[in-house]
Amino acid sequence: MRYITPRKAAEGLGSAHEGTQHHWAMTVTAVALLILTPLFMITVARAIGLPQELLVVYFGRPFPALITALFIIVGMLHFIKGTRIMIDDYLQGGARKAAIIASVIFGWAVIAFAIYALARMGLGAIVVI
């Protein structure tokens, strides 16, 4: 007979043995997005209507660039984990594997392009000033 404590039962739920970690990752990214979304919206609202030169200078500053980068990184990591749940629920076999690969590639590509664009604007702000 095997006796399991409640803590031991909560560790490694599911066949993949990572249910608890996945749940906590989703919770942490959701709370981070709760804080970052209003900051990102305010940051973008201040940039609306600026000409291109001033827009490059604006996102070349540390605070708008940092808020934008954090929002995109945390948001896309949340997206990748969330789509994984949906894909696991609704697809099977090769379609599941292909969809997971596509969603992960898409998420990391968005992160890479956004960071590259922010870095270019940061370097462009140095040249413009």
Protein backbone atom coordinates (compact mmCIF):
# COMPACT_ATOMS: atom_id res chain seq x y z
CA MET A 1 0.00 0.00 0.00
CA ARG A 2 1.29 3.45 -0.86
CA TYR A 3 0.62 6.58 1.20
CA ILE A 4 1.03 9.99 -0.48
CA THR A 5 1.02 13.29 1.33
CA PRO A 6 -1.04 16.14 -0.19
CA ARG A 7 2.16 17.97 -1.14
CA LYS A 8 3.54 14.91 -2.90
CA ALA A 9 0.24 14.45 -4.74
CA ALA A 10 0.33 18.07 -5.98
CA GLU A 11 3.85 17.79 -7.38
CA GLY A 12 4.01 16.69 -10.99
CA LEU A 13 0.32 16.35 -11.79
CA GLY A 14 -0.64 14.94 -15.17
CA SER A 15 1.03 12.50 -17.51
CA ALA A 16 3.72 15.03 -18.44
CA HIS A 17 4.60 15.58 -14.74
CA GLU A 18 4.67 19.35 -15.15
CA GLY A 19 1.10 20.49 -14.52
CA THR A 20 1.94 22.50 -11.42
CA GLN A 21 4.82 24.34 -13.08
CA HIS A 22 2.68 25.13 -16.11
CA HIS A 23 -0.13 26.47 -13.92
CA TRP A 24 2.26 28.69 -11.95
CA ALA A 25 3.91 29.97 -15.14
CA MET A 26 0.52 30.93 -16.54
CA THR A 27 -0.46 32.60 -13.26
CA VAL A 28 2.78 34.58 -13.01
CA THR A 29 2.61 35.78 -16.62
CA ALA A 30 -1.07 36.70 -16.20
CA VAL A 31 -0.29 38.83 -13.14
CA ALA A 32 2.68 40.42 -14.93
CA LEU A 33 0.42 41.24 -17.89
CA LEU A 34 -2.12 42.72 -15.49
CA ILE A 35 0.53 45.25 -14.46
CA LEU A 36 2.24 45.69 -17.84
CA THR A 37 -0.87 46.16 -20.02
CA PRO A 38 -1.93 49.56 -18.63
CA LEU A 39 1.69 50.75 -18.67
CA PHE A 40 2.04 49.62 -22.29
CA MET A 41 -1.24 51.27 -23.29
CA ILE A 42 -0.17 54.58 -21.72
CA THR A 43 3.23 54.31 -23.40
CA VAL A 44 1.71 53.71 -26.83
CA ALA A 45 -0.99 56.37 -26.31
CA ARG A 46 1.72 58.97 -25.76
CA ALA A 47 3.37 57.95 -29.03
CA ILE A 48 0.23 58.18 -31.19
CA GLY A 49 0.46 60.99 -33.72
CA LEU A 50 4.20 61.57 -33.44
CA PRO A 51 6.16 61.93 -36.66
CA GLN A 52 8.58 59.11 -37.45
CA GLU A 53 11.70 60.95 -36.24
CA LEU A 54 10.15 61.74 -32.85
CA LEU A 55 8.72 58.24 -32.61
CA VAL A 56 12.20 56.76 -33.01
CA VAL A 57 13.50 59.13 -30.33
CA TYR A 58 10.55 58.30 -28.04
CA PHE A 59 11.09 54.53 -28.22
CA GLY A 60 14.83 55.08 -28.01
CA ARG A 61 14.33 56.24 -24.42
CA PRO A 62 14.74 53.54 -21.76
CA PHE A 63 11.27 53.57 -20.12
CA PRO A 64 9.09 53.23 -23.26
CA ALA A 65 11.47 50.67 -24.77
CA LEU A 66 11.63 48.63 -21.56
CA ILE A 67 7.85 48.63 -21.04
CA THR A 68 7.28 47.63 -24.67
CA ALA A 69 9.90 44.88 -24.55
CA LEU A 70 8.59 43.45 -21.28
CA PHE A 71 5.00 43.54 -22.52
CA ILE A 72 5.85 41.71 -25.73
CA ILE A 73 8.11 39.13 -24.09
CA VAL A 74 5.73 38.28 -21.24
CA GLY A 75 2.71 38.41 -23.54
CA MET A 76 4.21 36.06 -26.10
CA LEU A 77 5.42 33.61 -23.44
CA HIS A 78 1.86 33.59 -22.08
CA PHE A 79 0.60 33.08 -25.66
CA ILE A 80 2.95 30.13 -26.25
CA LYS A 81 1.88 28.37 -23.06
CA GLY A 82 -1.82 29.13 -23.65
CA THR A 83 -1.84 27.87 -27.21
CA ARG A 84 -0.09 24.72 -26.03
CA ILE A 85 -3.07 24.00 -23.77
CA MET A 86 -5.57 24.54 -26.59
CA ILE A 87 -3.54 22.48 -29.05
CA ASP A 88 -3.23 19.60 -26.57
CA ASP A 89 -6.99 19.67 -25.99
CA TYR A 90 -8.14 19.74 -29.61
CA LEU A 91 -5.47 18.21 -31.86
CA GLN A 92 -3.85 14.78 -32.02
CA GLY A 93 -0.95 13.09 -33.74
CA GLY A 94 1.10 14.90 -36.34
CA ALA A 95 -1.23 17.88 -36.44
CA ARG A 96 -0.62 18.43 -32.71
CA LYS A 97 3.16 18.37 -33.17
CA ALA A 98 3.02 20.70 -36.17
CA ALA A 99 0.73 23.15 -34.41
CA ILE A 100 2.91 23.23 -31.29
CA ILE A 101 6.03 23.83 -33.36
CA ALA A 102 4.27 26.56 -35.36
CA SER A 103 2.99 28.36 -32.25
CA VAL A 104 6.40 28.26 -30.55
CA ILE A 105 8.18 29.49 -33.68
CA PHE A 106 5.60 32.25 -34.13
CA GLY A 107 5.88 33.38 -30.48
CA TRP A 108 9.67 33.50 -30.46
CA ALA A 109 9.74 35.19 -33.90
CA VAL A 110 7.46 37.97 -32.62
CA ILE A 111 9.73 38.41 -29.59
CA ALA A 112 12.85 38.51 -31.79
CA PHE A 113 11.39 41.00 -34.29
CA ALA A 114 10.10 43.28 -31.54
CA ILE A 115 13.42 43.33 -29.68
CA TYR A 116 15.27 43.91 -32.95
CA ALA A 117 12.95 46.81 -33.83
CA LEU A 118 13.36 48.37 -30.37
CA ALA A 119 17.14 47.99 -30.59
CA ARG A 120 17.15 49.63 -34.01
CA MET A 121 15.07 52.51 -32.66
CA GLY A 122 17.41 52.82 -29.69
CA LEU A 123 20.41 53.01 -31.98
CA GLY A 124 18.53 55.31 -34.36
CA ALA A 125 17.77 57.68 -31.49
CA ILE A 126 21.49 58.03 -30.84
CA VAL A 127 22.08 59.00 -34.47
CA VAL A 128 19.09 61.40 -34.60
CA ILE A 129 20.08 63.24 -31.42
